[in-house]
């Protein structure tokens, strides 16, 4: 009986000793990236996250900062003619860029947290809206009437109605309003001179369509683009969740 008690005492002592020994922590791993004018060195715990997950979660934040499509801004009749004459090829290129970018998003392996699942869904929705807007613009330059079938028509109908009306005076009225100062703003002579130059140009009607299309574009973008302060918040969340410590080297303002 004495031997049995001695054995139990030894076993208990070994168990207590094992419980007191702290588990070894994984050494932190360096992860370098750039954001908001800073070179950042983040240190993460490899027992919590894989580098591939961090890579892909970081990539997920990028669609908030840029459009995946080539800039489609027309300011003069020369580019206006170019876009109209090449609208079919440009639409094909837009489709290709959309499918490529969607494939990249769908293949991301993200950190398994609800915030990144939500952000993934928002990134897909943003991509879809960018694509539909770019497509609407290309079709609109070729035929403004097509904008009535756009997803953004109800939101920005003032500009579409102006471009598609048979009453040119209505079109001119909305066009002219784009150059008038907003409430509380001082009139700017340069803006007035710019409008007068277009008004007196032989291609006045084309200039009207160009400016109204740009107004439609801006209106549509503001209906779905994320604000910059929300983007900053997401990056801050990313850094807080993933990294144990951070070191920043930022450009001087």
C-alpha atoms as a PDB file:
ATOM      1  CA  UNK A   1       0.000   0.000   0.000  1.00  0.00           C
ATOM      2  CA  UNK A   2       2.915   2.288   0.849  1.00  0.00           C
ATOM      3  CA  UNK A   3       4.431   1.666  -2.619  1.00  0.00           C
ATOM      4  CA  UNK A   4       1.086   2.480  -4.271  1.00  0.00           C
ATOM      5  CA  UNK A   5       0.815   5.800  -2.421  1.00  0.00           C
ATOM      6  CA  UNK A   6       4.407   6.670  -3.317  1.00  0.00           C
ATOM      7  CA  UNK A   7       3.677   5.959  -7.005  1.00  0.00           C
ATOM      8  CA  UNK A   8       0.566   8.132  -6.943  1.00  0.00           C
ATOM      9  CA  UNK A   9       2.471  10.956  -5.262  1.00  0.00           C
ATOM     10  CA  UNK A  10       5.171  10.837  -7.948  1.00  0.00           C
ATOM     11  CA  UNK A  11       2.563  10.808 -10.751  1.00  0.00           C
ATOM     12  CA  UNK A  12       0.784  13.789  -9.194  1.00  0.00           C
ATOM     13  CA  UNK A  13       4.052  15.669  -8.814  1.00  0.00           C
ATOM     14  CA  UNK A  14       4.904  15.068 -12.501  1.00  0.00           C
ATOM     15  CA  UNK A  15       1.430  16.261 -13.569  1.00  0.00           C
ATOM     16  CA  UNK A  16       1.676  19.449 -11.488  1.00  0.00           C
ATOM     17  CA  UNK A  17       5.151  20.169 -12.862  1.00  0.00           C
ATOM     18  CA  UNK A  18       3.865  19.758 -16.449  1.00  0.00           C
ATOM     19  CA  UNK A  19       0.993  22.148 -15.769  1.00  0.00           C
ATOM     20  CA  UNK A  20       3.363  24.805 -14.453  1.00  0.00           C
ATOM     21  CA  UNK A  21       5.605  24.634 -17.531  1.00  0.00           C
ATOM     22  CA  UNK A  22       4.353  27.319 -19.980  1.00  0.00           C
ATOM     23  CA  UNK A  23       3.841  26.329 -23.623  1.00  0.00           C
ATOM     24  CA  UNK A  24       6.516  27.602 -25.964  1.00  0.00           C
ATOM     25  CA  UNK A  25       5.388  30.609 -27.987  1.00  0.00           C
ATOM     26  CA  UNK A  26       5.977  30.618 -31.730  1.00  0.00           C
ATOM     27  CA  UNK A  27       8.538  33.251 -32.761  1.00  0.00           C
ATOM     28  CA  UNK A  28       6.913  36.228 -34.515  1.00  0.00           C
ATOM     29  CA  UNK A  29       7.280  36.389 -38.292  1.00  0.00           C
ATOM     30  CA  UNK A  30       7.979  39.576 -40.262  1.00  0.00           C
ATOM     31  CA  UNK A  31       5.453  40.695 -42.897  1.00  0.00           C
ATOM     32  CA  UNK A  32       6.278  43.809 -44.966  1.00  0.00           C
ATOM     33  CA  UNK A  33       3.794  45.861 -46.980  1.00  0.00           C
ATOM     34  CA  UNK A  34       2.990  49.422 -48.058  1.00  0.00           C
ATOM     35  CA  UNK A  35      -0.074  51.514 -47.339  1.00  0.00           C
ATOM     36  CA  UNK A  36      -1.016  55.214 -47.197  1.00  0.00           C
ATOM     37  CA  UNK A  37       2.510  56.431 -47.990  1.00  0.00           C
ATOM     38  CA  UNK A  38       4.168  54.197 -45.401  1.00  0.00           C
ATOM     39  CA  UNK A  39       6.471  51.186 -45.512  1.00  0.00           C
ATOM     40  CA  UNK A  40       5.112  48.920 -42.799  1.00  0.00           C
ATOM     41  CA  UNK A  41       6.730  45.992 -41.007  1.00  0.00           C
ATOM     42  CA  UNK A  42       4.188  43.851 -39.215  1.00  0.00           C
ATOM     43  CA  UNK A  43       4.997  40.921 -36.956  1.00  0.00           C
ATOM     44  CA  UNK A  44       2.471  38.100 -36.722  1.00  0.00           C
ATOM     45  CA  UNK A  45       2.073  34.854 -34.800  1.00  0.00           C
ATOM     46  CA  UNK A  46       2.392  31.942 -37.283  1.00  0.00           C
ATOM     47  CA  UNK A  47       0.417  29.696 -34.937  1.00  0.00           C
ATOM     48  CA  UNK A  48      -2.632  31.916 -35.573  1.00  0.00           C
ATOM     49  CA  UNK A  49      -2.296  32.899 -39.227  1.00  0.00           C
ATOM     50  CA  UNK A  50      -0.621  31.659 -42.370  1.00  0.00           C
ATOM     51  CA  UNK A  51       1.281  34.070 -44.591  1.00  0.00           C
ATOM     52  CA  UNK A  52      -0.909  33.058 -47.566  1.00  0.00           C
ATOM     53  CA  UNK A  53      -4.036  34.036 -45.617  1.00  0.00           C
ATOM     54  CA  UNK A  54      -2.542  37.426 -44.777  1.00  0.00           C
ATOM     55  CA  UNK A  55      -1.472  37.924 -48.420  1.00  0.00           C
ATOM     56  CA  UNK A  56      -4.959  37.234 -49.727  1.00  0.00           C
ATOM     57  CA  UNK A  57      -6.751  39.216 -47.023  1.00  0.00           C
ATOM     58  CA  UNK A  58      -4.497  42.188 -47.807  1.00  0.00           C
ATOM     59  CA  UNK A  59      -5.327  41.811 -51.519  1.00  0.00           C
ATOM     60  CA  UNK A  60      -9.006  41.905 -50.624  1.00  0.00           C
ATOM     61  CA  UNK A  61      -8.632  45.496 -49.444  1.00  0.00           C
ATOM     62  CA  UNK A  62      -7.260  46.674 -52.783  1.00  0.00           C
ATOM     63  CA  UNK A  63     -10.547  46.798 -54.778  1.00  0.00           C
ATOM     64  CA  UNK A  64     -11.681  49.602 -52.468  1.00  0.00           C
ATOM     65  CA  UNK A  65      -8.934  51.871 -53.715  1.00  0.00           C
ATOM     66  CA  UNK A  66      -9.039  51.506 -57.494  1.00  0.00           C
ATOM     67  CA  UNK A  67     -11.237  50.608 -60.401  1.00  0.00           C
ATOM     68  CA  UNK A  68     -10.153  47.423 -62.183  1.00  0.00           C
ATOM     69  CA  UNK A  69     -11.114  48.979 -65.513  1.00  0.00           C
ATOM     70  CA  UNK A  70      -9.238  51.394 -67.708  1.00  0.00           C
ATOM     71  CA  UNK A  71     -10.195  54.994 -67.048  1.00  0.00           C
ATOM     72  CA  UNK A  72     -13.045  55.991 -69.329  1.00  0.00           C
ATOM     73  CA  UNK A  73     -13.176  59.772 -69.115  1.00  0.00           C
ATOM     74  CA  UNK A  74     -13.905  61.790 -72.244  1.00  0.00           C
ATOM     75  CA  UNK A  75     -13.244  65.535 -72.332  1.00  0.00           C
ATOM     76  CA  UNK A  76     -13.115  66.389 -76.020  1.00  0.00           C
ATOM     77  CA  UNK A  77     -14.738  65.384 -79.334  1.00  0.00           C
ATOM     78  CA  UNK A  78     -11.603  63.580 -80.520  1.00  0.00           C
ATOM     79  CA  UNK A  79     -11.749  61.005 -77.724  1.00  0.00           C
ATOM     80  CA  UNK A  80     -15.541  60.997 -77.987  1.00  0.00           C
ATOM     81  CA  UNK A  81     -15.260  59.845 -81.602  1.00  0.00           C
ATOM     82  CA  UNK A  82     -12.584  57.318 -80.672  1.00  0.00           C
ATOM     83  CA  UNK A  83     -14.696  55.712 -77.948  1.00  0.00           C
ATOM     84  CA  UNK A  84     -17.796  55.579 -80.138  1.00  0.00           C
ATOM     85  CA  UNK A  85     -15.973  54.018 -83.069  1.00  0.00           C
ATOM     86  CA  UNK A  86     -14.280  51.397 -80.858  1.00  0.00           C
ATOM     87  CA  UNK A  87     -17.127  50.683 -78.448  1.00  0.00           C
ATOM     88  CA  UNK A  88     -17.435  47.009 -79.453  1.00  0.00           C
ATOM     89  CA  UNK A  89     -13.750  46.264 -78.809  1.00  0.00           C
ATOM     90  CA  UNK A  90     -13.810  48.292 -75.575  1.00  0.00           C
ATOM     91  CA  UNK A  91     -16.838  46.353 -74.353  1.00  0.00           C
ATOM     92  CA  UNK A  92     -15.023  43.085 -75.027  1.00  0.00           C
ATOM     93  CA  UNK A  93     -11.993  44.351 -73.105  1.00  0.00           C
ATOM     94  CA  UNK A  94     -14.222  45.392 -70.204  1.00  0.00           C
ATOM     95  CA  UNK A  95     -15.785  41.927 -70.109  1.00  0.00           C
ATOM     96  CA  UNK A  96     -12.333  40.320 -70.092  1.00  0.00           C
ATOM     97  CA  UNK A  97     -11.053  42.549 -67.277  1.00  0.00           C
ATOM     98  CA  UNK A  98     -14.185  41.889 -65.241  1.00  0.00           C
ATOM     99  CA  UNK A  99     -13.913  38.099 -65.512  1.00  0.00           C
ATOM    100  CA  UNK A 100     -10.175  38.152 -64.712  1.00  0.00           C
ATOM    101  CA  UNK A 101     -10.656  40.300 -61.627  1.00  0.00           C
ATOM    102  CA  UNK A 102     -13.645  38.241 -60.457  1.00  0.00           C
ATOM    103  CA  UNK A 103     -11.558  35.065 -60.760  1.00  0.00           C
ATOM    104  CA  UNK A 104      -8.810  36.616 -58.609  1.00  0.00           C
ATOM    105  CA  UNK A 105     -11.341  37.501 -55.908  1.00  0.00           C
ATOM    106  CA  UNK A 106     -12.986  34.084 -55.972  1.00  0.00           C
ATOM    107  CA  UNK A 107      -9.636  32.307 -55.510  1.00  0.00           C
ATOM    108  CA  UNK A 108      -8.592  34.265 -52.403  1.00  0.00           C
ATOM    109  CA  UNK A 109      -7.944  32.225 -49.242  1.00  0.00           C
ATOM    110  CA  UNK A 110      -8.948  34.610 -46.481  1.00  0.00           C
ATOM    111  CA  UNK A 111      -8.455  34.751 -42.719  1.00  0.00           C
ATOM    112  CA  UNK A 112     -11.508  33.001 -41.310  1.00  0.00           C
ATOM    113  CA  UNK A 113     -13.275  35.880 -39.583  1.00  0.00           C
ATOM    114  CA  UNK A 114     -16.748  37.375 -40.273  1.00  0.00           C
ATOM    115  CA  UNK A 115     -15.338  40.819 -41.095  1.00  0.00           C
ATOM    116  CA  UNK A 116     -13.362  39.460 -44.070  1.00  0.00           C
ATOM    117  CA  UNK A 117     -16.270  37.379 -45.313  1.00  0.00           C
ATOM    118  CA  UNK A 118     -18.381  40.548 -45.292  1.00  0.00           C
ATOM    119  CA  UNK A 119     -15.622  42.490 -47.026  1.00  0.00           C
ATOM    120  CA  UNK A 120     -15.299  39.777 -49.674  1.00  0.00           C
ATOM    121  CA  UNK A 121     -18.999  40.097 -50.490  1.00  0.00           C
ATOM    122  CA  UNK A 122     -18.660  43.887 -50.666  1.00  0.00           C
ATOM    123  CA  UNK A 123     -15.616  43.605 -52.951  1.00  0.00           C
ATOM    124  CA  UNK A 124     -17.585  41.402 -55.348  1.00  0.00           C
ATOM    125  CA  UNK A 125     -20.491  43.870 -55.310  1.00  0.00           C
ATOM    126  CA  UNK A 126     -18.099  46.774 -55.937  1.00  0.00           C
ATOM    127  CA  UNK A 127     -16.509  44.967 -58.857  1.00  0.00           C
ATOM    128  CA  UNK A 128     -19.943  44.233 -60.318  1.00  0.00           C
ATOM    129  CA  UNK A 129     -20.950  47.897 -60.053  1.00  0.00           C
ATOM    130  CA  UNK A 130     -17.685  49.099 -61.606  1.00  0.00           C
ATOM    131  CA  UNK A 131     -18.222  46.701 -64.479  1.00  0.00           C
ATOM    132  CA  UNK A 132     -21.859  47.671 -65.041  1.00  0.00           C
ATOM    133  CA  UNK A 133     -20.997  51.372 -64.958  1.00  0.00           C
ATOM    134  CA  UNK A 134     -18.113  51.016 -67.398  1.00  0.00           C
ATOM    135  CA  UNK A 135     -20.361  48.987 -69.690  1.00  0.00           C
ATOM    136  CA  UNK A 136     -23.145  51.594 -69.419  1.00  0.00           C
ATOM    137  CA  UNK A 137     -20.743  54.398 -70.326  1.00  0.00           C
ATOM    138  CA  UNK A 138     -19.397  52.602 -73.378  1.00  0.00           C
ATOM    139  CA  UNK A 139     -22.897  51.819 -74.597  1.00  0.00           C
ATOM    140  CA  UNK A 140     -24.048  55.325 -73.690  1.00  0.00           C
ATOM    141  CA  UNK A 141     -21.392  57.028 -75.802  1.00  0.00           C
ATOM    142  CA  UNK A 142     -22.501  54.908 -78.745  1.00  0.00           C
ATOM    143  CA  UNK A 143     -26.214  55.406 -78.013  1.00  0.00           C
ATOM    144  CA  UNK A 144     -27.366  57.593 -75.070  1.00  0.00           C
ATOM    145  CA  UNK A 145     -30.816  55.962 -75.185  1.00  0.00           C
ATOM    146  CA  UNK A 146     -29.232  52.744 -73.843  1.00  0.00           C
ATOM    147  CA  UNK A 147     -28.646  54.514 -70.506  1.00  0.00           C
ATOM    148  CA  UNK A 148     -32.363  54.254 -69.797  1.00  0.00           C
ATOM    149  CA  UNK A 149     -31.781  50.516 -69.283  1.00  0.00           C
ATOM    150  CA  UNK A 150     -28.816  51.083 -66.971  1.00  0.00           C
ATOM    151  CA  UNK A 151     -28.868  50.020 -63.333  1.00  0.00           C
ATOM    152  CA  UNK A 152     -28.027  53.636 -62.474  1.00  0.00           C
ATOM    153  CA  UNK A 153     -30.819  55.290 -64.450  1.00  0.00           C
ATOM    154  CA  UNK A 154     -33.184  55.935 -61.523  1.00  0.00           C
ATOM    155  CA  UNK A 155     -30.343  57.321 -59.395  1.00  0.00           C
ATOM    156  CA  UNK A 156     -28.982  59.628 -62.090  1.00  0.00           C
ATOM    157  CA  UNK A 157     -32.005  60.068 -64.358  1.00  0.00           C
ATOM    158  CA  UNK A 158     -31.655  63.870 -64.598  1.00  0.00           C
ATOM    159  CA  UNK A 159     -28.572  63.517 -66.792  1.00  0.00           C
ATOM    160  CA  UNK A 160     -29.907  60.586 -68.821  1.00  0.00           C
ATOM    161  CA  UNK A 161     -33.199  62.366 -69.490  1.00  0.00           C
ATOM    162  CA  UNK A 162     -31.284  65.450 -70.624  1.00  0.00           C
ATOM    163  CA  UNK A 163     -29.214  63.400 -73.078  1.00  0.00           C
ATOM    164  CA  UNK A 164     -32.166  61.505 -74.495  1.00  0.00           C
ATOM    165  CA  UNK A 165     -34.817  64.230 -74.739  1.00  0.00           C
ATOM    166  CA  UNK A 166     -35.978  65.444 -78.149  1.00  0.00           C
ATOM    167  CA  UNK A 167     -36.160  68.966 -76.738  1.00  0.00           C
ATOM    168  CA  UNK A 168     -32.635  70.353 -77.098  1.00  0.00           C
ATOM    169  CA  UNK A 169     -33.437  73.348 -74.938  1.00  0.00           C
ATOM    170  CA  UNK A 170     -33.999  70.976 -71.998  1.00  0.00           C
ATOM    171  CA  UNK A 171     -30.671  69.310 -72.706  1.00  0.00           C
ATOM    172  CA  UNK A 172     -28.925  72.673 -72.872  1.00  0.00           C
ATOM    173  CA  UNK A 173     -30.545  73.785 -69.612  1.00  0.00           C
ATOM    174  CA  UNK A 174     -29.242  70.780 -67.642  1.00  0.00           C
ATOM    175  CA  UNK A 175     -25.864  71.038 -69.370  1.00  0.00           C
ATOM    176  CA  UNK A 176     -25.528  74.722 -68.461  1.00  0.00           C
ATOM    177  CA  UNK A 177     -26.437  73.957 -64.826  1.00  0.00           C
ATOM    178  CA  UNK A 178     -23.271  71.827 -64.537  1.00  0.00           C
ATOM    179  CA  UNK A 179     -21.208  75.000 -64.851  1.00  0.00           C
ATOM    180  CA  UNK A 180     -23.182  77.110 -62.425  1.00  0.00           C
ATOM    181  CA  UNK A 181     -21.775  77.564 -58.899  1.00  0.00           C
ATOM    182  CA  UNK A 182     -23.274  75.440 -56.171  1.00  0.00           C
ATOM    183  CA  UNK A 183     -25.063  77.086 -53.280  1.00  0.00           C
ATOM    184  CA  UNK A 184     -22.581  79.037 -51.176  1.00  0.00           C
ATOM    185  CA  UNK A 185     -19.841  78.970 -53.831  1.00  0.00           C
ATOM    186  CA  UNK A 186     -18.416  82.002 -55.558  1.00  0.00           C
ATOM    187  CA  UNK A 187     -18.768  82.170 -59.363  1.00  0.00           C
ATOM    188  CA  UNK A 188     -15.552  81.212 -61.144  1.00  0.00           C
ATOM    189  CA  UNK A 189     -14.747  83.020 -64.386  1.00  0.00           C
ATOM    190  CA  UNK A 190     -12.726  80.099 -65.757  1.00  0.00           C
ATOM    191  CA  UNK A 191     -15.762  77.805 -65.504  1.00  0.00           C
ATOM    192  CA  UNK A 192     -17.955  80.334 -67.298  1.00  0.00           C
ATOM    193  CA  UNK A 193     -15.340  80.814 -70.031  1.00  0.00           C
ATOM    194  CA  UNK A 194     -15.055  77.039 -70.482  1.00  0.00           C
ATOM    195  CA  UNK A 195     -18.802  76.704 -71.003  1.00  0.00           C
ATOM    196  CA  UNK A 196     -18.931  79.647 -73.406  1.00  0.00           C
ATOM    197  CA  UNK A 197     -16.133  78.130 -75.508  1.00  0.00           C
ATOM    198  CA  UNK A 198     -18.044  74.855 -75.786  1.00  0.00           C
ATOM    199  CA  UNK A 199     -21.334  76.646 -76.425  1.00  0.00           C
ATOM    200  CA  UNK A 200     -19.840  78.470 -79.392  1.00  0.00           C
ATOM    201  CA  UNK A 201     -18.060  75.407 -80.806  1.00  0.00           C
ATOM    202  CA  UNK A 202     -19.449  73.780 -83.977  1.00  0.00           C
ATOM    203  CA  UNK A 203     -19.699  70.526 -82.021  1.00  0.00           C
ATOM    204  CA  UNK A 204     -21.706  72.076 -79.226  1.00  0.00           C
ATOM    205  CA  UNK A 205     -24.116  69.128 -78.979  1.00  0.00           C
ATOM    206  CA  UNK A 206     -21.253  66.644 -78.640  1.00  0.00           C
ATOM    207  CA  UNK A 207     -19.730  68.740 -75.852  1.00  0.00           C
ATOM    208  CA  UNK A 208     -23.128  68.692 -74.121  1.00  0.00           C
ATOM    209  CA  UNK A 209     -23.250  64.880 -74.286  1.00  0.00           C
ATOM    210  CA  UNK A 210     -19.625  64.620 -73.070  1.00  0.00           C
ATOM    211  CA  UNK A 211     -20.249  66.789 -69.996  1.00  0.00           C
ATOM    212  CA  UNK A 212     -23.579  65.157 -69.191  1.00  0.00           C
ATOM    213  CA  UNK A 213     -21.998  61.705 -69.500  1.00  0.00           C
ATOM    214  CA  UNK A 214     -19.277  62.729 -67.044  1.00  0.00           C
ATOM    215  CA  UNK A 215     -21.945  64.039 -64.665  1.00  0.00           C
ATOM    216  CA  UNK A 216     -23.795  60.724 -64.979  1.00  0.00           C
ATOM    217  CA  UNK A 217     -20.532  58.856 -64.317  1.00  0.00           C
ATOM    218  CA  UNK A 218     -19.792  60.862 -61.153  1.00  0.00           C
ATOM    219  CA  UNK A 219     -23.360  60.464 -59.920  1.00  0.00           C
ATOM    220  CA  UNK A 220     -23.251  56.681 -60.438  1.00  0.00           C
ATOM    221  CA  UNK A 221     -19.833  56.307 -58.769  1.00  0.00           C
ATOM    222  CA  UNK A 222     -20.992  58.167 -55.663  1.00  0.00           C
ATOM    223  CA  UNK A 223     -23.937  55.782 -55.370  1.00  0.00           C
ATOM    224  CA  UNK A 224     -21.718  52.774 -54.627  1.00  0.00           C
ATOM    225  CA  UNK A 225     -18.102  53.725 -53.971  1.00  0.00           C
ATOM    226  CA  UNK A 226     -16.835  53.332 -50.384  1.00  0.00           C
ATOM    227  CA  UNK A 227     -15.662  56.488 -48.647  1.00  0.00           C
ATOM    228  CA  UNK A 228     -11.945  56.912 -47.922  1.00  0.00           C
ATOM    229  CA  UNK A 229     -12.431  57.021 -44.134  1.00  0.00           C
ATOM    230  CA  UNK A 230     -14.103  53.600 -44.266  1.00  0.00           C
ATOM    231  CA  UNK A 231     -11.170  52.265 -46.262  1.00  0.00           C
ATOM    232  CA  UNK A 232      -8.755  53.578 -43.626  1.00  0.00           C
ATOM    233  CA  UNK A 233     -10.805  51.885 -40.918  1.00  0.00           C
ATOM    234  CA  UNK A 234     -10.566  48.535 -42.707  1.00  0.00           C
ATOM    235  CA  UNK A 235      -6.789  48.779 -42.955  1.00  0.00           C
ATOM    236  CA  UNK A 236      -6.596  49.650 -39.261  1.00  0.00           C
ATOM    237  CA  UNK A 237      -8.763  46.626 -38.433  1.00  0.00           C
ATOM    238  CA  UNK A 238      -6.574  44.421 -40.618  1.00  0.00           C
ATOM    239  CA  UNK A 239      -3.446  45.593 -38.788  1.00  0.00           C
ATOM    240  CA  UNK A 240      -4.986  45.300 -35.327  1.00  0.00           C
ATOM    241  CA  UNK A 241      -6.308  41.770 -35.897  1.00  0.00           C
ATOM    242  CA  UNK A 242      -3.292  40.278 -37.674  1.00  0.00           C
ATOM    243  CA  UNK A 243      -0.174  41.822 -36.163  1.00  0.00           C
ATOM    244  CA  UNK A 244       1.269  41.673 -32.665  1.00  0.00           C
ATOM    245  CA  UNK A 245       3.417  44.744 -33.326  1.00  0.00           C
ATOM    246  CA  UNK A 246       3.994  47.223 -36.160  1.00  0.00           C
ATOM    247  CA  UNK A 247       6.790  49.518 -37.293  1.00  0.00           C
ATOM    248  CA  UNK A 248       6.063  52.313 -39.797  1.00  0.00           C
ATOM    249  CA  UNK A 249       8.366  54.342 -41.997  1.00  0.00           C
ATOM    250  CA  UNK A 250       6.257  57.081 -43.609  1.00  0.00           C
ATOM    251  CA  UNK A 251       7.002  59.802 -46.144  1.00  0.00           C
ATOM    252  CA  UNK A 252       7.093  63.312 -44.798  1.00  0.00           C
ATOM    253  CA  UNK A 253       3.874  65.244 -45.656  1.00  0.00           C
END
